[in-house]
N, C-alpha and C. Protein backbone atom coordinates (compact mmCIF):
# COMPACT_ATOMS: atom_id res chain seq x y z
N MET A 1 0.84 -1.18 0.00
CA MET A 1 0.00 0.00 0.00
C MET A 1 0.89 1.24 0.00
N ASN A 2 0.59 2.19 -0.88
CA ASN A 2 1.31 3.45 -0.93
C ASN A 2 0.62 4.47 -0.03
N TRP A 3 1.43 5.32 0.57
CA TRP A 3 0.89 6.33 1.46
C TRP A 3 1.55 7.65 1.13
N SER A 4 0.80 8.73 1.19
CA SER A 4 1.35 10.04 0.91
C SER A 4 0.70 11.06 1.83
N VAL A 5 1.18 12.28 1.75
CA VAL A 5 0.60 13.35 2.56
C VAL A 5 -0.86 13.56 2.17
N SER A 6 -1.14 13.57 0.86
CA SER A 6 -2.52 13.79 0.43
C SER A 6 -3.43 12.64 0.85
N THR A 7 -2.90 11.41 0.84
CA THR A 7 -3.68 10.26 1.31
C THR A 7 -3.97 10.39 2.80
N THR A 8 -2.98 10.84 3.55
CA THR A 8 -3.16 11.04 4.99
C THR A 8 -4.23 12.10 5.25
N LYS A 9 -4.16 13.21 4.51
CA LYS A 9 -5.15 14.28 4.70
C LYS A 9 -6.55 13.78 4.33
N LEU A 10 -6.63 13.00 3.26
CA LEU A 10 -7.92 12.45 2.85
C LEU A 10 -8.49 11.56 3.96
N PHE A 11 -7.66 10.68 4.51
CA PHE A 11 -8.11 9.78 5.57
C PHE A 11 -8.54 10.56 6.81
N GLN A 12 -7.77 11.61 7.16
CA GLN A 12 -8.10 12.40 8.34
C GLN A 12 -9.38 13.22 8.15
N SER A 13 -9.61 13.69 6.92
CA SER A 13 -10.80 14.51 6.69
C SER A 13 -12.06 13.66 6.59
N CYS A 14 -11.94 12.45 5.99
CA CYS A 14 -13.13 11.62 5.83
C CYS A 14 -12.72 10.17 5.56
N PRO A 15 -12.69 9.32 6.60
CA PRO A 15 -12.31 7.92 6.41
C PRO A 15 -13.19 7.19 5.38
N ARG A 16 -14.46 7.56 5.32
CA ARG A 16 -15.35 6.91 4.35
C ARG A 16 -14.92 7.25 2.92
N LYS A 17 -14.60 8.51 2.67
CA LYS A 17 -14.15 8.93 1.34
C LYS A 17 -12.83 8.23 1.00
N TYR A 18 -11.95 8.12 1.99
CA TYR A 18 -10.68 7.40 1.80
C TYR A 18 -10.96 5.96 1.37
N TYR A 19 -11.88 5.29 2.06
CA TYR A 19 -12.20 3.91 1.74
C TYR A 19 -12.69 3.78 0.30
N TYR A 20 -13.63 4.65 -0.09
CA TYR A 20 -14.20 4.55 -1.44
C TYR A 20 -13.16 4.86 -2.51
N GLN A 21 -12.33 5.89 -2.29
CA GLN A 21 -11.36 6.28 -3.32
C GLN A 21 -10.12 5.41 -3.35
N GLN A 22 -9.62 5.02 -2.20
CA GLN A 22 -8.33 4.33 -2.15
C GLN A 22 -8.44 2.81 -2.06
N ILE A 23 -9.50 2.29 -1.53
CA ILE A 23 -9.63 0.84 -1.36
C ILE A 23 -10.62 0.26 -2.37
N LEU A 24 -11.87 0.68 -2.27
CA LEU A 24 -12.90 0.09 -3.10
C LEU A 24 -12.72 0.41 -4.58
N ALA A 25 -12.43 1.66 -4.93
CA ALA A 25 -12.32 2.05 -6.35
C ALA A 25 -11.15 1.37 -7.04
N LYS A 26 -10.18 0.91 -6.28
CA LYS A 26 -9.01 0.27 -6.88
C LYS A 26 -9.06 -1.26 -6.77
N GLY A 27 -10.23 -1.78 -6.44
CA GLY A 27 -10.39 -3.22 -6.25
C GLY A 27 -10.59 -3.96 -7.57
N ASP A 28 -11.22 -5.09 -7.49
CA ASP A 28 -11.47 -5.96 -8.64
C ASP A 28 -12.45 -5.26 -9.60
N PRO A 29 -12.03 -5.03 -10.87
CA PRO A 29 -12.91 -4.34 -11.81
C PRO A 29 -14.19 -5.10 -12.13
N GLU A 30 -14.22 -6.39 -11.87
CA GLU A 30 -15.43 -7.18 -12.11
C GLU A 30 -16.45 -7.03 -10.99
N ASP A 31 -16.01 -6.53 -9.84
CA ASP A 31 -16.90 -6.34 -8.70
C ASP A 31 -17.81 -5.14 -8.97
N PRO A 32 -19.14 -5.31 -8.96
CA PRO A 32 -20.04 -4.18 -9.24
C PRO A 32 -19.86 -3.01 -8.28
N ARG A 33 -19.47 -3.30 -7.04
CA ARG A 33 -19.23 -2.20 -6.08
C ARG A 33 -18.04 -1.36 -6.52
N THR A 34 -17.02 -2.00 -7.07
CA THR A 34 -15.84 -1.27 -7.55
C THR A 34 -16.22 -0.37 -8.72
N ARG A 35 -16.99 -0.91 -9.66
CA ARG A 35 -17.42 -0.11 -10.82
C ARG A 35 -18.27 1.07 -10.37
N GLU A 36 -19.21 0.82 -9.46
CA GLU A 36 -20.06 1.90 -8.96
C GLU A 36 -19.24 2.98 -8.26
N SER A 37 -18.28 2.56 -7.46
CA SER A 37 -17.43 3.50 -6.75
C SER A 37 -16.62 4.35 -7.74
N ALA A 38 -16.09 3.72 -8.78
CA ALA A 38 -15.33 4.46 -9.78
C ALA A 38 -16.22 5.46 -10.52
N GLU A 39 -17.46 5.08 -10.82
CA GLU A 39 -18.39 5.98 -11.50
C GLU A 39 -18.76 7.16 -10.60
N LEU A 40 -19.03 6.88 -9.34
CA LEU A 40 -19.39 7.94 -8.40
C LEU A 40 -18.25 8.93 -8.21
N LYS A 41 -17.01 8.45 -8.30
CA LYS A 41 -15.85 9.31 -8.12
C LYS A 41 -15.77 10.37 -9.21
N GLN A 42 -16.37 10.08 -10.37
CA GLN A 42 -16.33 11.02 -11.50
C GLN A 42 -17.34 12.16 -11.37
N LEU A 43 -18.30 12.04 -10.45
CA LEU A 43 -19.33 13.07 -10.31
C LEU A 43 -18.76 14.34 -9.71
N ASN A 44 -19.30 15.48 -10.13
CA ASN A 44 -18.89 16.78 -9.62
C ASN A 44 -20.05 17.45 -8.90
N ASN A 45 -19.69 18.40 -8.06
CA ASN A 45 -20.76 19.20 -7.46
C ASN A 45 -21.17 20.31 -8.43
N LEU A 46 -22.21 21.02 -8.09
CA LEU A 46 -22.76 22.05 -8.97
C LEU A 46 -21.73 23.12 -9.31
N TYR A 47 -20.95 23.55 -8.34
CA TYR A 47 -20.01 24.63 -8.56
C TYR A 47 -18.88 24.20 -9.51
N ALA A 48 -18.39 22.98 -9.35
CA ALA A 48 -17.34 22.48 -10.25
C ALA A 48 -17.88 22.33 -11.66
N TRP A 49 -19.11 21.86 -11.78
CA TRP A 49 -19.71 21.68 -13.10
C TRP A 49 -19.91 23.02 -13.80
N ARG A 50 -20.44 24.01 -13.07
CA ARG A 50 -20.62 25.36 -13.64
C ARG A 50 -19.28 25.92 -14.07
N GLY A 51 -18.28 25.76 -13.23
CA GLY A 51 -16.95 26.26 -13.56
C GLY A 51 -16.39 25.61 -14.82
N SER A 52 -16.64 24.33 -14.98
CA SER A 52 -16.13 23.64 -16.17
C SER A 52 -16.83 24.14 -17.43
N LEU A 53 -18.11 24.49 -17.34
CA LEU A 53 -18.81 25.05 -18.50
C LEU A 53 -18.22 26.40 -18.90
N VAL A 54 -18.02 27.27 -17.92
CA VAL A 54 -17.46 28.59 -18.19
C VAL A 54 -16.03 28.45 -18.72
N ASP A 55 -15.26 27.59 -18.08
CA ASP A 55 -13.89 27.36 -18.52
C ASP A 55 -13.85 26.82 -19.95
N GLY A 56 -14.82 25.98 -20.30
CA GLY A 56 -14.87 25.44 -21.65
C GLY A 56 -15.05 26.53 -22.69
N VAL A 57 -15.94 27.48 -22.43
CA VAL A 57 -16.16 28.58 -23.37
C VAL A 57 -14.91 29.43 -23.48
N ILE A 58 -14.30 29.74 -22.35
CA ILE A 58 -13.11 30.59 -22.37
C ILE A 58 -11.95 29.89 -23.08
N SER A 59 -11.71 28.63 -22.75
CA SER A 59 -10.55 27.94 -23.32
C SER A 59 -10.74 27.59 -24.79
N ARG A 60 -11.98 27.35 -25.22
CA ARG A 60 -12.21 26.98 -26.62
C ARG A 60 -12.38 28.17 -27.54
N PHE A 61 -12.74 29.33 -26.99
CA PHE A 61 -13.01 30.46 -27.87
C PHE A 61 -12.17 31.69 -27.54
N VAL A 62 -12.18 32.13 -26.30
CA VAL A 62 -11.52 33.38 -25.94
C VAL A 62 -10.00 33.25 -26.00
N VAL A 63 -9.43 32.22 -25.38
CA VAL A 63 -7.97 32.07 -25.32
C VAL A 63 -7.34 31.95 -26.72
N PRO A 64 -7.90 31.13 -27.63
CA PRO A 64 -7.30 31.08 -28.97
C PRO A 64 -7.29 32.45 -29.67
N LYS A 65 -8.35 33.24 -29.49
CA LYS A 65 -8.39 34.58 -30.09
C LYS A 65 -7.30 35.47 -29.50
N ILE A 66 -7.13 35.40 -28.19
CA ILE A 66 -6.09 36.21 -27.53
C ILE A 66 -4.71 35.78 -28.01
N ASN A 67 -4.48 34.46 -28.08
CA ASN A 67 -3.18 33.95 -28.53
C ASN A 67 -2.84 34.38 -29.96
N LYS A 68 -3.86 34.50 -30.80
CA LYS A 68 -3.65 34.93 -32.19
C LYS A 68 -3.67 36.45 -32.33
N ARG A 69 -3.84 37.12 -31.18
CA ARG A 69 -3.93 38.58 -31.13
C ARG A 69 -5.06 39.12 -32.03
N GLU A 70 -6.14 38.34 -32.06
CA GLU A 70 -7.32 38.75 -32.81
C GLU A 70 -8.26 39.49 -31.87
N PRO A 71 -9.05 40.42 -32.40
CA PRO A 71 -9.98 41.14 -31.52
C PRO A 71 -11.10 40.22 -31.05
N LEU A 72 -11.56 40.49 -29.86
CA LEU A 72 -12.68 39.73 -29.30
C LEU A 72 -13.98 40.43 -29.65
N ASP A 73 -14.86 39.71 -30.30
CA ASP A 73 -16.17 40.25 -30.67
C ASP A 73 -17.19 39.72 -29.67
N GLU A 74 -17.79 40.62 -28.92
CA GLU A 74 -18.72 40.22 -27.86
C GLU A 74 -19.87 39.37 -28.41
N ASP A 75 -20.39 39.72 -29.59
CA ASP A 75 -21.50 38.95 -30.16
C ASP A 75 -21.09 37.51 -30.45
N HIS A 76 -19.85 37.33 -30.95
CA HIS A 76 -19.38 35.97 -31.23
C HIS A 76 -19.18 35.18 -29.94
N ILE A 77 -18.68 35.84 -28.92
CA ILE A 77 -18.48 35.16 -27.63
C ILE A 77 -19.83 34.73 -27.07
N ILE A 78 -20.82 35.61 -27.14
CA ILE A 78 -22.15 35.27 -26.64
C ILE A 78 -22.76 34.14 -27.46
N ALA A 79 -22.61 34.21 -28.78
CA ALA A 79 -23.13 33.14 -29.64
C ALA A 79 -22.46 31.81 -29.30
N PHE A 80 -21.14 31.86 -29.08
CA PHE A 80 -20.42 30.64 -28.73
C PHE A 80 -20.87 30.14 -27.36
N ALA A 81 -21.09 31.07 -26.43
CA ALA A 81 -21.50 30.68 -25.09
C ALA A 81 -22.89 30.05 -25.09
N LYS A 82 -23.72 30.40 -26.08
CA LYS A 82 -25.05 29.81 -26.14
C LYS A 82 -24.98 28.30 -26.36
N PHE A 83 -23.85 27.84 -26.93
CA PHE A 83 -23.68 26.40 -27.06
C PHE A 83 -23.56 25.75 -25.68
N SER A 84 -23.24 26.54 -24.68
CA SER A 84 -23.18 26.00 -23.32
C SER A 84 -24.54 25.50 -22.88
N LEU A 85 -25.60 26.12 -23.38
CA LEU A 85 -26.95 25.64 -23.08
C LEU A 85 -27.13 24.23 -23.62
N GLN A 86 -26.68 24.02 -24.85
CA GLN A 86 -26.75 22.68 -25.43
C GLN A 86 -25.85 21.72 -24.66
N ASP A 87 -24.65 22.19 -24.31
CA ASP A 87 -23.74 21.36 -23.52
C ASP A 87 -24.36 20.98 -22.19
N ALA A 88 -25.01 21.95 -21.55
CA ALA A 88 -25.64 21.69 -20.24
C ALA A 88 -26.77 20.69 -20.38
N THR A 89 -27.53 20.80 -21.45
CA THR A 89 -28.64 19.86 -21.68
C THR A 89 -28.10 18.46 -21.92
N LEU A 90 -27.05 18.35 -22.72
CA LEU A 90 -26.44 17.05 -22.95
C LEU A 90 -25.85 16.48 -21.66
N ALA A 91 -25.20 17.35 -20.88
CA ALA A 91 -24.63 16.89 -19.61
C ALA A 91 -25.72 16.36 -18.69
N ALA A 92 -26.87 17.03 -18.68
CA ALA A 92 -27.98 16.57 -17.85
C ALA A 92 -28.49 15.22 -18.34
N ALA A 93 -28.59 15.06 -19.67
CA ALA A 93 -29.06 13.79 -20.22
C ALA A 93 -28.11 12.65 -19.88
N TYR A 94 -26.82 12.90 -20.04
CA TYR A 94 -25.85 11.85 -19.70
C TYR A 94 -25.81 11.59 -18.20
N SER A 95 -26.06 12.62 -17.41
CA SER A 95 -26.14 12.42 -15.96
C SER A 95 -27.32 11.53 -15.61
N GLN A 96 -28.42 11.68 -16.35
CA GLN A 96 -29.58 10.82 -16.12
C GLN A 96 -29.24 9.37 -16.46
N LEU A 97 -28.52 9.16 -17.54
CA LEU A 97 -28.11 7.80 -17.91
C LEU A 97 -27.19 7.21 -16.84
N ALA A 98 -26.24 8.01 -16.36
CA ALA A 98 -25.32 7.54 -15.32
C ALA A 98 -26.09 7.22 -14.04
N ALA A 99 -27.03 8.07 -13.68
CA ALA A 99 -27.83 7.83 -12.48
C ALA A 99 -28.61 6.53 -12.61
N SER A 100 -29.20 6.32 -13.77
CA SER A 100 -29.97 5.10 -14.01
C SER A 100 -29.09 3.87 -13.89
N ALA A 101 -27.86 3.96 -14.43
CA ALA A 101 -26.93 2.83 -14.34
C ALA A 101 -26.56 2.51 -12.90
N LEU A 102 -26.65 3.52 -12.03
CA LEU A 102 -26.33 3.33 -10.61
C LEU A 102 -27.57 2.97 -9.78
N GLY A 103 -28.70 2.77 -10.46
CA GLY A 103 -29.93 2.40 -9.76
C GLY A 103 -30.68 3.58 -9.18
N LEU A 104 -30.35 4.79 -9.62
CA LEU A 104 -31.02 5.99 -9.14
C LEU A 104 -32.09 6.42 -10.14
N SER A 105 -33.03 7.19 -9.68
CA SER A 105 -34.05 7.76 -10.55
C SER A 105 -33.75 9.24 -10.74
N SER A 106 -34.23 9.80 -11.84
CA SER A 106 -33.98 11.22 -12.09
C SER A 106 -35.12 11.81 -12.90
N ILE A 107 -35.21 13.12 -12.82
CA ILE A 107 -36.17 13.84 -13.66
C ILE A 107 -35.54 15.17 -14.04
N TRP A 108 -35.64 15.50 -15.31
CA TRP A 108 -35.12 16.75 -15.86
C TRP A 108 -36.25 17.75 -15.93
N ILE A 109 -36.05 18.93 -15.36
CA ILE A 109 -37.07 19.97 -15.36
C ILE A 109 -36.53 21.16 -16.15
N GLY A 110 -37.16 21.44 -17.27
CA GLY A 110 -36.68 22.51 -18.14
C GLY A 110 -37.46 23.81 -18.01
N MET A 111 -38.69 23.73 -17.56
CA MET A 111 -39.50 24.93 -17.42
C MET A 111 -39.34 25.43 -15.99
N ILE A 112 -38.44 26.38 -15.81
CA ILE A 112 -38.10 26.88 -14.47
C ILE A 112 -38.13 28.40 -14.45
N ASP A 113 -38.25 28.95 -13.27
CA ASP A 113 -38.11 30.39 -13.08
C ASP A 113 -36.61 30.64 -12.89
N GLU A 114 -35.94 31.00 -13.99
CA GLU A 114 -34.48 31.12 -13.96
C GLU A 114 -33.99 32.09 -12.89
N ASP A 115 -34.65 33.25 -12.78
CA ASP A 115 -34.23 34.25 -11.79
C ASP A 115 -34.33 33.72 -10.37
N LYS A 116 -35.41 32.98 -10.09
CA LYS A 116 -35.59 32.43 -8.74
C LYS A 116 -34.52 31.38 -8.44
N VAL A 117 -34.23 30.51 -9.43
CA VAL A 117 -33.18 29.49 -9.25
C VAL A 117 -31.83 30.16 -9.04
N MET A 118 -31.54 31.20 -9.82
CA MET A 118 -30.27 31.93 -9.67
C MET A 118 -30.14 32.50 -8.26
N GLN A 119 -31.25 33.03 -7.74
CA GLN A 119 -31.24 33.60 -6.40
C GLN A 119 -31.03 32.51 -5.34
N ILE A 120 -31.71 31.38 -5.50
CA ILE A 120 -31.62 30.32 -4.50
C ILE A 120 -30.22 29.73 -4.43
N ILE A 121 -29.60 29.47 -5.61
CA ILE A 121 -28.27 28.84 -5.57
C ILE A 121 -27.15 29.86 -5.54
N GLY A 122 -27.49 31.15 -5.58
CA GLY A 122 -26.49 32.20 -5.42
C GLY A 122 -25.52 32.30 -6.57
N THR A 123 -26.03 32.49 -7.77
CA THR A 123 -25.16 32.60 -8.94
C THR A 123 -25.67 33.69 -9.87
N LYS A 124 -24.77 34.18 -10.71
CA LYS A 124 -25.16 35.11 -11.76
C LYS A 124 -25.29 34.36 -13.09
N LEU A 125 -24.93 33.08 -13.08
CA LEU A 125 -25.05 32.26 -14.29
C LEU A 125 -26.50 31.83 -14.47
N ARG A 126 -26.96 31.84 -15.71
CA ARG A 126 -28.35 31.48 -16.00
C ARG A 126 -28.46 29.96 -16.11
N PRO A 127 -29.30 29.35 -15.26
CA PRO A 127 -29.46 27.89 -15.31
C PRO A 127 -30.27 27.46 -16.53
N SER A 128 -29.93 26.29 -17.05
CA SER A 128 -30.68 25.78 -18.20
C SER A 128 -31.83 24.89 -17.76
N SER A 129 -31.67 24.25 -16.62
CA SER A 129 -32.67 23.29 -16.16
C SER A 129 -32.33 22.88 -14.73
N ILE A 130 -33.17 22.02 -14.19
CA ILE A 130 -32.92 21.41 -12.89
C ILE A 130 -32.95 19.91 -13.10
N LEU A 131 -31.99 19.23 -12.53
CA LEU A 131 -31.95 17.77 -12.63
C LEU A 131 -32.04 17.22 -11.21
N CYS A 132 -33.14 16.54 -10.93
CA CYS A 132 -33.35 15.94 -9.62
C CYS A 132 -32.96 14.47 -9.70
N ILE A 133 -32.11 14.04 -8.78
CA ILE A 133 -31.64 12.65 -8.75
C ILE A 133 -31.82 12.13 -7.34
N GLY A 134 -32.33 10.90 -7.23
CA GLY A 134 -32.51 10.31 -5.91
C GLY A 134 -32.81 8.83 -6.00
N TYR A 135 -33.02 8.25 -4.85
CA TYR A 135 -33.34 6.82 -4.79
C TYR A 135 -34.84 6.63 -4.99
N PRO A 136 -35.23 5.72 -5.87
CA PRO A 136 -36.67 5.50 -6.10
C PRO A 136 -37.31 4.80 -4.91
N GLN A 137 -38.59 5.08 -4.68
CA GLN A 137 -39.31 4.37 -3.62
C GLN A 137 -39.49 2.91 -3.98
N LYS A 138 -39.73 2.65 -5.26
CA LYS A 138 -39.78 1.27 -5.71
C LYS A 138 -39.25 1.22 -7.14
N LYS A 139 -38.64 0.11 -7.47
CA LYS A 139 -38.07 -0.05 -8.80
C LYS A 139 -39.16 -0.49 -9.77
N ARG A 140 -39.20 0.17 -10.90
CA ARG A 140 -40.16 -0.20 -11.94
C ARG A 140 -39.46 -1.03 -12.99
N PRO A 141 -40.17 -1.98 -13.58
CA PRO A 141 -39.54 -2.74 -14.67
C PRO A 141 -39.33 -1.83 -15.87
N PRO A 142 -38.32 -2.10 -16.69
CA PRO A 142 -38.11 -1.25 -17.86
C PRO A 142 -39.30 -1.30 -18.81
N LYS A 143 -39.57 -0.18 -19.46
CA LYS A 143 -40.66 -0.12 -20.43
C LYS A 143 -40.28 -0.94 -21.66
N SER A 144 -41.27 -1.50 -22.29
CA SER A 144 -40.98 -2.24 -23.51
C SER A 144 -40.60 -1.25 -24.61
N ARG A 145 -39.67 -1.66 -25.45
CA ARG A 145 -39.20 -0.78 -26.51
C ARG A 145 -40.14 -0.86 -27.71
N ARG A 146 -40.31 0.28 -28.34
CA ARG A 146 -41.13 0.30 -29.54
C ARG A 146 -40.34 -0.30 -30.70
N LYS A 147 -41.04 -0.88 -31.63
CA LYS A 147 -40.39 -1.49 -32.79
C LYS A 147 -39.89 -0.39 -33.72
N LEU A 148 -38.75 -0.64 -34.32
CA LEU A 148 -38.14 0.33 -35.21
C LEU A 148 -39.07 0.71 -36.36
N LYS A 149 -39.82 -0.25 -36.88
CA LYS A 149 -40.73 0.04 -38.00
C LYS A 149 -41.84 1.00 -37.58
N ASP A 150 -42.15 1.08 -36.29
CA ASP A 150 -43.17 2.02 -35.80
C ASP A 150 -42.61 3.44 -35.65
N LEU A 151 -41.29 3.56 -35.64
CA LEU A 151 -40.65 4.87 -35.44
C LEU A 151 -40.20 5.52 -36.75
N ILE A 152 -39.95 4.72 -37.77
CA ILE A 152 -39.41 5.24 -39.04
C ILE A 152 -40.50 5.21 -40.09
N HIS A 153 -40.66 6.31 -40.76
CA HIS A 153 -41.64 6.43 -41.84
C HIS A 153 -40.96 6.98 -43.08
N GLU A 154 -41.09 6.30 -44.18
CA GLU A 154 -40.53 6.80 -45.44
C GLU A 154 -41.51 7.75 -46.09
N LEU A 155 -40.97 8.79 -46.68
CA LEU A 155 -41.81 9.74 -47.40
C LEU A 155 -41.64 9.60 -48.88
């Protein structure tokens, strides 16, 4: 077993977190608990996720313009930032898939009072939606899939 200052600090701050990150997540990859622990380790809190969205816009659009000594056009930056809405929606959808894989239930809420949500979570960033994730009261069997011929229509 390897030990370091950061491992010591992790253990001192939260033995449970130490167990999940250092013991269980590095166990047998065939063990479902190990896979679940590794997946949970990838999750971020709201602030880290928001920061990564803002950082993505800056690093993909603003920094290259500055490096090329090109002028920054506010309209282009805003247009590029609007893709963050699509990114956020996709992130929510993939989060729902990940939650489902972990046995959790989720619901995506897109019709929200943005100003009220901004006030509650204390941000100036405009939220795209709310994603509620939790443990279901009872597990439902998966819905039957529709046949492909019922979904595709030739014109």
